[in-house]
C-alpha atoms as a PDB file:
ATOM      1  CA  UNK A   1     114.152 129.316  98.065  1.00  0.00           C
ATOM      2  CA  UNK A   2     117.425 128.507  96.762  1.00  0.00           C
ATOM      3  CA  UNK A   3     118.387 128.634  92.955  1.00  0.00           C
ATOM      4  CA  UNK A   4     119.017 124.510  93.137  1.00  0.00           C
ATOM      5  CA  UNK A   5     115.415 124.057  94.305  1.00  0.00           C
ATOM      6  CA  UNK A   6     114.190 126.317  91.569  1.00  0.00           C
ATOM      7  CA  UNK A   7     115.932 124.397  88.855  1.00  0.00           C
ATOM      8  CA  UNK A   8     114.401 120.981  90.432  1.00  0.00           C
ATOM      9  CA  UNK A   9     110.948 122.299  90.307  1.00  0.00           C
ATOM     10  CA  UNK A  10     111.346 123.934  87.025  1.00  0.00           C
ATOM     11  CA  UNK A  11     112.284 120.472  85.521  1.00  0.00           C
ATOM     12  CA  UNK A  12     109.710 118.656  87.485  1.00  0.00           C
ATOM     13  CA  UNK A  13     106.611 121.116  86.469  1.00  0.00           C
ATOM     14  CA  UNK A  14     108.178 121.032  82.478  1.00  0.00           C
ATOM     15  CA  UNK A  15     108.631 116.979  82.809  1.00  0.00           C
ATOM     16  CA  UNK A  16     111.907 117.296  80.878  1.00  0.00           C
ATOM     17  CA  UNK A  17     113.453 114.540  82.753  1.00  0.00           C
ATOM     18  CA  UNK A  18     111.883 111.617  84.623  1.00  0.00           C
ATOM     19  CA  UNK A  19     111.670 112.278  88.588  1.00  0.00           C
ATOM     20  CA  UNK A  20     113.696 109.371  89.142  1.00  0.00           C
ATOM     21  CA  UNK A  21     116.438 110.860  87.198  1.00  0.00           C
ATOM     22  CA  UNK A  22     116.221 114.141  88.876  1.00  0.00           C
ATOM     23  CA  UNK A  23     116.756 112.417  92.285  1.00  0.00           C
ATOM     24  CA  UNK A  24     119.527 110.433  91.186  1.00  0.00           C
ATOM     25  CA  UNK A  25     121.124 113.553  89.707  1.00  0.00           C
ATOM     26  CA  UNK A  26     120.739 115.302  92.806  1.00  0.00           C
ATOM     27  CA  UNK A  27     122.124 112.767  94.822  1.00  0.00           C
ATOM     28  CA  UNK A  28     125.152 112.378  92.461  1.00  0.00           C
ATOM     29  CA  UNK A  29     125.777 116.095  92.678  1.00  0.00           C
ATOM     30  CA  UNK A  30     124.055 117.950  95.084  1.00  0.00           C
ATOM     31  CA  UNK A  31     125.232 121.153  93.474  1.00  0.00           C
ATOM     32  CA  UNK A  32     123.196 120.282  90.235  1.00  0.00           C
ATOM     33  CA  UNK A  33     125.747 122.034  88.159  1.00  0.00           C
ATOM     34  CA  UNK A  34     124.996 122.113  84.417  1.00  0.00           C
ATOM     35  CA  UNK A  35     128.525 122.451  83.357  1.00  0.00           C
ATOM     36  CA  UNK A  36     130.491 119.889  81.318  1.00  0.00           C
ATOM     37  CA  UNK A  37     128.842 116.867  79.156  1.00  0.00           C
ATOM     38  CA  UNK A  38     130.572 113.899  78.844  1.00  0.00           C
ATOM     39  CA  UNK A  39     131.605 114.004  82.439  1.00  0.00           C
ATOM     40  CA  UNK A  40     128.271 115.430  83.695  1.00  0.00           C
ATOM     41  CA  UNK A  41     126.113 112.604  85.973  1.00  0.00           C
ATOM     42  CA  UNK A  42     122.718 112.967  83.952  1.00  0.00           C
ATOM     43  CA  UNK A  43     124.958 111.780  81.059  1.00  0.00           C
ATOM     44  CA  UNK A  44     125.735 108.599  82.559  1.00  0.00           C
ATOM     45  CA  UNK A  45     122.450 108.371  84.424  1.00  0.00           C
ATOM     46  CA  UNK A  46     120.507 108.348  81.142  1.00  0.00           C
ATOM     47  CA  UNK A  47     122.735 106.368  79.022  1.00  0.00           C
ATOM     48  CA  UNK A  48     123.734 109.803  76.886  1.00  0.00           C
ATOM     49  CA  UNK A  49     119.881 110.098  76.405  1.00  0.00           C
ATOM     50  CA  UNK A  50     119.456 113.326  78.389  1.00  0.00           C
ATOM     51  CA  UNK A  51     119.774 116.467  75.891  1.00  0.00           C
ATOM     52  CA  UNK A  52     121.761 118.617  78.273  1.00  0.00           C
ATOM     53  CA  UNK A  53     121.602 121.512  75.464  1.00  0.00           C
ATOM     54  CA  UNK A  54     117.516 121.698  75.873  1.00  0.00           C
ATOM     55  CA  UNK A  55     117.812 121.456  79.872  1.00  0.00           C
ATOM     56  CA  UNK A  56     120.216 124.487  79.769  1.00  0.00           C
ATOM     57  CA  UNK A  57     118.230 126.346  77.260  1.00  0.00           C
ATOM     58  CA  UNK A  58     114.965 125.828  79.225  1.00  0.00           C
ATOM     59  CA  UNK A  59     116.739 126.642  82.741  1.00  0.00           C
ATOM     60  CA  UNK A  60     118.280 130.046  80.837  1.00  0.00           C
ATOM     61  CA  UNK A  61     114.926 131.104  79.664  1.00  0.00           C
ATOM     62  CA  UNK A  62     112.550 130.262  82.369  1.00  0.00           C
ATOM     63  CA  UNK A  63     114.751 130.112  85.855  1.00  0.00           C
ATOM     64  CA  UNK A  64     114.057 133.920  85.914  1.00  0.00           C
ATOM     65  CA  UNK A  65     110.131 133.529  86.022  1.00  0.00           C
ATOM     66  CA  UNK A  66     110.086 130.086  88.138  1.00  0.00           C
ATOM     67  CA  UNK A  67     109.245 132.402  90.934  1.00  0.00           C
ATOM     68  CA  UNK A  68     106.047 133.540  88.990  1.00  0.00           C
ATOM     69  CA  UNK A  69     105.379 130.163  88.382  1.00  0.00           C
ATOM     70  CA  UNK A  70     105.735 129.025  92.394  1.00  0.00           C
ATOM     71  CA  UNK A  71     103.469 132.043  93.191  1.00  0.00           C
ATOM     72  CA  UNK A  72     100.569 130.650  90.563  1.00  0.00           C
ATOM     73  CA  UNK A  73     100.699 127.212  92.326  1.00  0.00           C
ATOM     74  CA  UNK A  74     100.660 128.524  95.639  1.00  0.00           C
ATOM     75  CA  UNK A  75      97.794 130.710  95.049  1.00  0.00           C
ATOM     76  CA  UNK A  76      95.673 127.539  94.412  1.00  0.00           C
ATOM     77  CA  UNK A  77      96.853 126.430  97.730  1.00  0.00           C
ATOM     78  CA  UNK A  78      99.949 124.176  96.372  1.00  0.00           C
ATOM     79  CA  UNK A  79     103.419 124.464  97.921  1.00  0.00           C
ATOM     80  CA  UNK A  80     106.506 122.784  96.490  1.00  0.00           C
ATOM     81  CA  UNK A  81     109.292 121.498  98.344  1.00  0.00           C
ATOM     82  CA  UNK A  82     112.591 120.298  96.568  1.00  0.00           C
ATOM     83  CA  UNK A  83     114.927 117.649  97.543  1.00  0.00           C
ATOM     84  CA  UNK A  84     117.782 120.009  97.570  1.00  0.00           C
ATOM     85  CA  UNK A  85     115.687 122.238  99.984  1.00  0.00           C
ATOM     86  CA  UNK A  86     116.568 122.220 103.827  1.00  0.00           C
ATOM     87  CA  UNK A  87     113.007 122.131 104.373  1.00  0.00           C
ATOM     88  CA  UNK A  88     112.656 118.404 102.363  1.00  0.00           C
ATOM     89  CA  UNK A  89     112.050 115.871 105.113  1.00  0.00           C
ATOM     90  CA  UNK A  90     115.313 114.598 105.847  1.00  0.00           C
ATOM     91  CA  UNK A  91     114.364 110.848 106.472  1.00  0.00           C
ATOM     92  CA  UNK A  92     112.713 111.045 103.271  1.00  0.00           C
ATOM     93  CA  UNK A  93     116.078 112.196 101.420  1.00  0.00           C
ATOM     94  CA  UNK A  94     117.707 108.870 102.769  1.00  0.00           C
ATOM     95  CA  UNK A  95     115.349 106.258 100.974  1.00  0.00           C
ATOM     96  CA  UNK A  96     116.245 104.709  97.604  1.00  0.00           C
ATOM     97  CA  UNK A  97     114.140 106.490  95.619  1.00  0.00           C
ATOM     98  CA  UNK A  98     112.683 110.179  97.014  1.00  0.00           C
ATOM     99  CA  UNK A  99     110.781 112.263  94.930  1.00  0.00           C
ATOM    100  CA  UNK A 100     112.842 114.988  93.811  1.00  0.00           C
ATOM    101  CA  UNK A 101     109.804 117.495  94.293  1.00  0.00           C
ATOM    102  CA  UNK A 102     107.013 117.384  96.840  1.00  0.00           C
ATOM    103  CA  UNK A 103     103.583 118.695  96.418  1.00  0.00           C
ATOM    104  CA  UNK A 104     101.739 119.819  99.765  1.00  0.00           C
ATOM    105  CA  UNK A 105      98.243 121.100 100.604  1.00  0.00           C
ATOM    106  CA  UNK A 106      97.976 122.240 103.975  1.00  0.00           C
ATOM    107  CA  UNK A 107     100.020 122.948 106.945  1.00  0.00           C
ATOM    108  CA  UNK A 108     103.693 121.792 105.887  1.00  0.00           C
ATOM    109  CA  UNK A 109     105.279 122.355 109.218  1.00  0.00           C
ATOM    110  CA  UNK A 110     103.392 119.266 110.164  1.00  0.00           C
ATOM    111  CA  UNK A 111     106.606 117.458 108.712  1.00  0.00           C
ATOM    112  CA  UNK A 112     108.817 118.725 111.195  1.00  0.00           C
ATOM    113  CA  UNK A 113     106.648 119.814 114.061  1.00  0.00           C
ATOM    114  CA  UNK A 114     105.956 116.134 115.530  1.00  0.00           C
ATOM    115  CA  UNK A 115     107.014 112.872 115.544  1.00  0.00           C
ATOM    116  CA  UNK A 116     105.539 110.773 112.461  1.00  0.00           C
ATOM    117  CA  UNK A 117     104.074 107.187 112.557  1.00  0.00           C
ATOM    118  CA  UNK A 118     102.314 105.375 109.939  1.00  0.00           C
ATOM    119  CA  UNK A 119      98.948 103.273 110.375  1.00  0.00           C
ATOM    120  CA  UNK A 120      97.817 101.098 107.465  1.00  0.00           C
ATOM    121  CA  UNK A 121      95.660  98.186 106.856  1.00  0.00           C
ATOM    122  CA  UNK A 122      92.814  96.441 105.066  1.00  0.00           C
ATOM    123  CA  UNK A 123      90.200  98.747 103.042  1.00  0.00           C
ATOM    124  CA  UNK A 124      87.402  96.505 104.497  1.00  0.00           C
ATOM    125  CA  UNK A 125      88.258  96.168 108.078  1.00  0.00           C
ATOM    126  CA  UNK A 126      86.141  94.076 110.603  1.00  0.00           C
ATOM    127  CA  UNK A 127      84.463  95.725 113.591  1.00  0.00           C
ATOM    128  CA  UNK A 128      87.742  94.769 115.498  1.00  0.00           C
ATOM    129  CA  UNK A 129      89.893  96.409 113.075  1.00  0.00           C
ATOM    130  CA  UNK A 130      88.005  99.279 113.225  1.00  0.00           C
ATOM    131  CA  UNK A 131      88.295  99.577 117.059  1.00  0.00           C
ATOM    132  CA  UNK A 132      91.884  98.739 116.904  1.00  0.00           C
ATOM    133  CA  UNK A 133      92.523 101.786 114.367  1.00  0.00           C
ATOM    134  CA  UNK A 134      90.620 104.174 116.435  1.00  0.00           C
ATOM    135  CA  UNK A 135      92.391 103.089 119.880  1.00  0.00           C
ATOM    136  CA  UNK A 136      95.923 103.117 118.619  1.00  0.00           C
ATOM    137  CA  UNK A 137      95.378 106.727 116.430  1.00  0.00           C
ATOM    138  CA  UNK A 138      93.364 108.067 119.405  1.00  0.00           C
ATOM    139  CA  UNK A 139      96.325 107.034 121.820  1.00  0.00           C
ATOM    140  CA  UNK A 140      99.078 107.758 119.754  1.00  0.00           C
ATOM    141  CA  UNK A 141      97.469 111.480 118.963  1.00  0.00           C
ATOM    142  CA  UNK A 142      97.316 112.149 122.620  1.00  0.00           C
ATOM    143  CA  UNK A 143     101.260 111.226 123.053  1.00  0.00           C
ATOM    144  CA  UNK A 144     101.471 114.249 120.096  1.00  0.00           C
ATOM    145  CA  UNK A 145     102.263 111.578 117.270  1.00  0.00           C
ATOM    146  CA  UNK A 146     101.075 112.665 113.896  1.00  0.00           C
ATOM    147  CA  UNK A 147      99.320 109.884 111.957  1.00  0.00           C
ATOM    148  CA  UNK A 148     100.512 109.199 108.833  1.00  0.00           C
ATOM    149  CA  UNK A 149      98.393 107.078 106.019  1.00  0.00           C
ATOM    150  CA  UNK A 150      97.162 106.700 102.569  1.00  0.00           C
ATOM    151  CA  UNK A 151      93.595 108.340 102.863  1.00  0.00           C
ATOM    152  CA  UNK A 152      92.233 104.875 101.377  1.00  0.00           C
ATOM    153  CA  UNK A 153      88.769 103.722 102.356  1.00  0.00           C
ATOM    154  CA  UNK A 154      89.148 101.466 105.560  1.00  0.00           C
ATOM    155  CA  UNK A 155      91.957 101.397 107.949  1.00  0.00           C
ATOM    156  CA  UNK A 156      93.745 104.571 106.443  1.00  0.00           C
ATOM    157  CA  UNK A 157      90.618 106.690 106.568  1.00  0.00           C
ATOM    158  CA  UNK A 158      89.675 105.603 110.240  1.00  0.00           C
ATOM    159  CA  UNK A 159      93.114 106.387 111.659  1.00  0.00           C
ATOM    160  CA  UNK A 160      92.964 110.169 109.900  1.00  0.00           C
ATOM    161  CA  UNK A 161      89.686 110.604 111.382  1.00  0.00           C
ATOM    162  CA  UNK A 162      90.302 109.610 114.629  1.00  0.00           C
ATOM    163  CA  UNK A 163      93.305 111.582 114.996  1.00  0.00           C
ATOM    164  CA  UNK A 164      91.364 114.647 114.186  1.00  0.00           C
ATOM    165  CA  UNK A 165      88.573 113.640 116.779  1.00  0.00           C
ATOM    166  CA  UNK A 166      91.387 113.337 119.091  1.00  0.00           C
ATOM    167  CA  UNK A 167      92.731 116.981 118.705  1.00  0.00           C
ATOM    168  CA  UNK A 168      95.970 115.461 117.101  1.00  0.00           C
ATOM    169  CA  UNK A 169      97.273 115.800 113.567  1.00  0.00           C
ATOM    170  CA  UNK A 170      97.457 113.857 110.344  1.00  0.00           C
ATOM    171  CA  UNK A 171      99.172 113.693 107.270  1.00  0.00           C
ATOM    172  CA  UNK A 172      97.577 111.963 104.363  1.00  0.00           C
ATOM    173  CA  UNK A 173      99.718 110.642 101.547  1.00  0.00           C
ATOM    174  CA  UNK A 174      97.867 110.565  97.941  1.00  0.00           C
ATOM    175  CA  UNK A 175      98.258 108.554  94.644  1.00  0.00           C
ATOM    176  CA  UNK A 176      98.013 110.740  91.849  1.00  0.00           C
ATOM    177  CA  UNK A 177      97.617 114.768  92.207  1.00  0.00           C
ATOM    178  CA  UNK A 178      95.140 116.881  94.283  1.00  0.00           C
ATOM    179  CA  UNK A 179      92.942 117.822  91.443  1.00  0.00           C
ATOM    180  CA  UNK A 180      91.897 114.040  91.386  1.00  0.00           C
ATOM    181  CA  UNK A 181      91.441 113.143  95.164  1.00  0.00           C
ATOM    182  CA  UNK A 182      90.654 109.561  95.462  1.00  0.00           C
ATOM    183  CA  UNK A 183      88.455 107.673  96.614  1.00  0.00           C
ATOM    184  CA  UNK A 184      85.365 109.534  95.808  1.00  0.00           C
ATOM    185  CA  UNK A 185      84.064 108.742  99.690  1.00  0.00           C
ATOM    186  CA  UNK A 186      87.318 110.526 101.301  1.00  0.00           C
ATOM    187  CA  UNK A 187      87.274 113.423  99.285  1.00  0.00           C
ATOM    188  CA  UNK A 188      85.528 115.358 102.384  1.00  0.00           C
ATOM    189  CA  UNK A 189      87.873 114.417 104.613  1.00  0.00           C
ATOM    190  CA  UNK A 190      90.811 115.138 102.374  1.00  0.00           C
ATOM    191  CA  UNK A 191      89.790 118.652 101.809  1.00  0.00           C
ATOM    192  CA  UNK A 192      89.504 118.953 105.672  1.00  0.00           C
ATOM    193  CA  UNK A 193      92.815 117.903 106.045  1.00  0.00           C
ATOM    194  CA  UNK A 194      94.065 120.079 103.335  1.00  0.00           C
ATOM    195  CA  UNK A 195      92.705 122.963 105.226  1.00  0.00           C
ATOM    196  CA  UNK A 196      93.712 122.086 109.177  1.00  0.00           C
ATOM    197  CA  UNK A 197      96.350 119.231 108.612  1.00  0.00           C
ATOM    198  CA  UNK A 198      98.423 118.188 105.532  1.00  0.00           C
ATOM    199  CA  UNK A 199      98.154 116.375 102.404  1.00  0.00           C
ATOM    200  CA  UNK A 200     101.255 115.234 100.270  1.00  0.00           C
ATOM    201  CA  UNK A 201     101.549 113.940  96.726  1.00  0.00           C
ATOM    202  CA  UNK A 202     104.953 113.642  94.600  1.00  0.00           C
ATOM    203  CA  UNK A 203     102.648 114.245  91.495  1.00  0.00           C
ATOM    204  CA  UNK A 204     101.563 117.387  89.614  1.00  0.00           C
ATOM    205  CA  UNK A 205      98.052 118.417  90.862  1.00  0.00           C
ATOM    206  CA  UNK A 206      96.697 117.462  87.274  1.00  0.00           C
ATOM    207  CA  UNK A 207      97.767 114.068  87.435  1.00  0.00           C
ATOM    208  CA  UNK A 208      95.285 111.061  87.714  1.00  0.00           C
ATOM    209  CA  UNK A 209      95.790 108.278  89.881  1.00  0.00           C
ATOM    210  CA  UNK A 210      97.160 105.189  87.964  1.00  0.00           C
ATOM    211  CA  UNK A 211      97.502 101.552  89.467  1.00  0.00           C
ATOM    212  CA  UNK A 212     101.198 101.923  89.834  1.00  0.00           C
ATOM    213  CA  UNK A 213     101.211 105.273  91.821  1.00  0.00           C
ATOM    214  CA  UNK A 214      99.687 103.151  95.120  1.00  0.00           C
ATOM    215  CA  UNK A 215     102.980 101.366  95.891  1.00  0.00           C
ATOM    216  CA  UNK A 216     104.976 104.353  95.011  1.00  0.00           C
ATOM    217  CA  UNK A 217     102.609 106.198  97.686  1.00  0.00           C
ATOM    218  CA  UNK A 218     103.257 103.408 100.063  1.00  0.00           C
ATOM    219  CA  UNK A 219     107.053 103.884 100.094  1.00  0.00           C
ATOM    220  CA  UNK A 220     106.567 107.522 101.140  1.00  0.00           C
ATOM    221  CA  UNK A 221     104.162 106.742 104.074  1.00  0.00           C
ATOM    222  CA  UNK A 222     106.861 104.706 105.555  1.00  0.00           C
ATOM    223  CA  UNK A 223     109.898 106.992 104.242  1.00  0.00           C
ATOM    224  CA  UNK A 224     108.231 109.914 106.232  1.00  0.00           C
ATOM    225  CA  UNK A 225     107.573 108.099 109.475  1.00  0.00           C
ATOM    226  CA  UNK A 226     109.575 106.147 112.190  1.00  0.00           C
ATOM    227  CA  UNK A 227     107.400 102.979 112.055  1.00  0.00           C
ATOM    228  CA  UNK A 228     104.635 101.533 110.385  1.00  0.00           C
ATOM    229  CA  UNK A 229     101.588 100.093 112.246  1.00  0.00           C
ATOM    230  CA  UNK A 230      99.814  96.870 110.275  1.00  0.00           C
ATOM    231  CA  UNK A 231      96.080  96.527 111.283  1.00  0.00           C
ATOM    232  CA  UNK A 232      94.697  93.717 109.339  1.00  0.00           C
ATOM    233  CA  UNK A 233      95.480  92.902 106.030  1.00  0.00           C
ATOM    234  CA  UNK A 234      95.883  89.865 103.463  1.00  0.00           C
ATOM    235  CA  UNK A 235      99.106  88.158 102.726  1.00  0.00           C
ATOM    236  CA  UNK A 236      99.432  90.124  99.320  1.00  0.00           C
ATOM    237  CA  UNK A 237      98.028  93.400 100.383  1.00  0.00           C
ATOM    238  CA  UNK A 238      99.163  97.176 100.016  1.00  0.00           C
ATOM    239  CA  UNK A 239      99.507  97.252 103.670  1.00  0.00           C
ATOM    240  CA  UNK A 240     102.217  94.369 103.703  1.00  0.00           C
ATOM    241  CA  UNK A 241     103.977  96.237 100.272  1.00  0.00           C
ATOM    242  CA  UNK A 242     104.259  99.239 103.032  1.00  0.00           C
ATOM    243  CA  UNK A 243     105.601  97.161 105.750  1.00  0.00           C
ATOM    244  CA  UNK A 244     108.307  95.440 103.697  1.00  0.00           C
ATOM    245  CA  UNK A 245     109.288  99.083 102.105  1.00  0.00           C
ATOM    246  CA  UNK A 246     109.610 100.211 105.887  1.00  0.00           C
ATOM    247  CA  UNK A 247     111.889  97.517 106.863  1.00  0.00           C
ATOM    248  CA  UNK A 248     114.131  98.343 103.459  1.00  0.00           C
ATOM    249  CA  UNK A 249     114.424 101.809 104.832  1.00  0.00           C
ATOM    250  CA  UNK A 250     115.254 100.781 108.192  1.00  0.00           C
ATOM    251  CA  UNK A 251     111.941 101.763 109.713  1.00  0.00           C
ATOM    252  CA  UNK A 252     110.267 100.054 112.591  1.00  0.00           C
ATOM    253  CA  UNK A 253     107.075  97.913 111.885  1.00  0.00           C
ATOM    254  CA  UNK A 254     104.453  96.849 114.239  1.00  0.00           C
ATOM    255  CA  UNK A 255     101.758  94.429 113.511  1.00  0.00           C
ATOM    256  CA  UNK A 256      98.250  93.989 115.470  1.00  0.00           C
ATOM    257  CA  UNK A 257      97.181  90.038 115.841  1.00  0.00           C
ATOM    258  CA  UNK A 258      93.916  89.217 115.209  1.00  0.00           C
ATOM    259  CA  UNK A 259      91.898  86.049 114.831  1.00  0.00           C
ATOM    260  CA  UNK A 260      93.037  82.910 112.696  1.00  0.00           C
ATOM    261  CA  UNK A 261      89.299  82.610 111.220  1.00  0.00           C
ATOM    262  CA  UNK A 262      89.964  85.940 109.228  1.00  0.00           C
ATOM    263  CA  UNK A 263      92.097  86.491 106.316  1.00  0.00           C
ATOM    264  CA  UNK A 264      92.551  89.942 106.855  1.00  0.00           C
ATOM    265  CA  UNK A 265      94.591  88.656 109.643  1.00  0.00           C
ATOM    266  CA  UNK A 266      97.250  86.396 107.640  1.00  0.00           C
ATOM    267  CA  UNK A 267      99.194  89.638 106.602  1.00  0.00           C
ATOM    268  CA  UNK A 268      99.912  90.809 110.347  1.00  0.00           C
ATOM    269  CA  UNK A 269     100.471  87.459 111.289  1.00  0.00           C
ATOM    270  CA  UNK A 270     103.170  87.004 108.700  1.00  0.00           C
ATOM    271  CA  UNK A 271     104.713  90.321 109.828  1.00  0.00           C
ATOM    272  CA  UNK A 272     104.966  88.764 113.399  1.00  0.00           C
ATOM    273  CA  UNK A 273     106.549  85.503 112.073  1.00  0.00           C
ATOM    274  CA  UNK A 274     109.025  87.640 110.178  1.00  0.00           C
ATOM    275  CA  UNK A 275     110.015  89.788 113.310  1.00  0.00           C
ATOM    276  CA  UNK A 276     107.608  92.397 113.433  1.00  0.00           C
ATOM    277  CA  UNK A 277     106.620  93.878 116.774  1.00  0.00           C
ATOM    278  CA  UNK A 278     103.360  92.437 118.185  1.00  0.00           C
ATOM    279  CA  UNK A 279     100.933  95.132 119.288  1.00  0.00           C
ATOM    280  CA  UNK A 280      98.619  94.970 122.130  1.00  0.00           C
ATOM    281  CA  UNK A 281      98.560  98.477 122.934  1.00  0.00           C
ATOM    282  CA  UNK A 282     100.580 101.731 122.886  1.00  0.00           C
ATOM    283  CA  UNK A 283     103.148 100.991 124.880  1.00  0.00           C
ATOM    284  CA  UNK A 284     104.423  97.940 122.381  1.00  0.00           C
ATOM    285  CA  UNK A 285     104.973 100.606 120.143  1.00  0.00           C
ATOM    286  CA  UNK A 286     106.580 103.540 122.272  1.00  0.00           C
ATOM    287  CA  UNK A 287     109.099 100.894 123.618  1.00  0.00           C
ATOM    288  CA  UNK A 288     110.770 100.363 120.363  1.00  0.00           C
ATOM    289  CA  UNK A 289     110.803 103.890 119.234  1.00  0.00           C
ATOM    290  CA  UNK A 290     113.726 106.157 120.577  1.00  0.00           C
ATOM    291  CA  UNK A 291     112.822 109.232 123.002  1.00  0.00           C
ATOM    292  CA  UNK A 292     113.881 111.822 120.415  1.00  0.00           C
ATOM    293  CA  UNK A 293     113.770 111.733 116.633  1.00  0.00           C
ATOM    294  CA  UNK A 294     116.349 109.896 114.450  1.00  0.00           C
ATOM    295  CA  UNK A 295     118.803 112.206 113.039  1.00  0.00           C
ATOM    296  CA  UNK A 296     119.703 111.627 109.268  1.00  0.00           C
ATOM    297  CA  UNK A 297     122.748 113.142 107.406  1.00  0.00           C
ATOM    298  CA  UNK A 298     122.268 114.280 103.784  1.00  0.00           C
ATOM    299  CA  UNK A 299     124.899 115.353 101.313  1.00  0.00           C
ATOM    300  CA  UNK A 300     125.925 118.904 101.319  1.00  0.00           C
END
């Protein structure tokens, strides 16, 4: 781990700067230099509210000890990847507001070993929605795609479970931290994924999930993946938020059609009207995706 990553992790753990400022600082100056004052990126980003002297003092005092702090987290099963690290997912670096530090539990190599695709949908699926989620997660897993979702009840949890049953790999992006897994009914699934697959959060483990964490989480699901599949959801649902964030991030969006008499069909129908690819089988998905991973550039 390089010194830039250690500095970001230190500042994130101490909460001395808001996460969004840490990310913007890295984008403005990938060297993360602490030199200067009036011309320092943080001075402009914070409208002169950042206390650079406090940041310098913390770095001088605690950077020599940060490796010990990181090892303490690792002893609890938590890894951390800073945005300045080459191990940070390249696709996520390129979104508008990437987390400065990712917190991981499980097999972090899943972030770069397989191609990633998201499956999201309603928390209250019909039998048809359940069958659609199981079919797509199963068939995509057989094609070596890693299924990414939000560990919510309903379509999310079903997609994770079917990937596991199909001997595939799956990544759960959670709201809040690892010490407060939500929802309660998926805690056993989350624990299994932390052991055999991967959980991802942008929050410190002690953070309790808040309402605004869920749309924040959705941008990471789309940011990590090459495309998002929406299976059932109302017109103003978290699934559609994820889909629109995917569009903003330049990802593919796929929608599974449903009955015109089901309100949970309105979300996918709206997406199809707006240009999302209608999905009848996995070939509708695979035909829209390049044969190899997209290459992303990043600051040097």
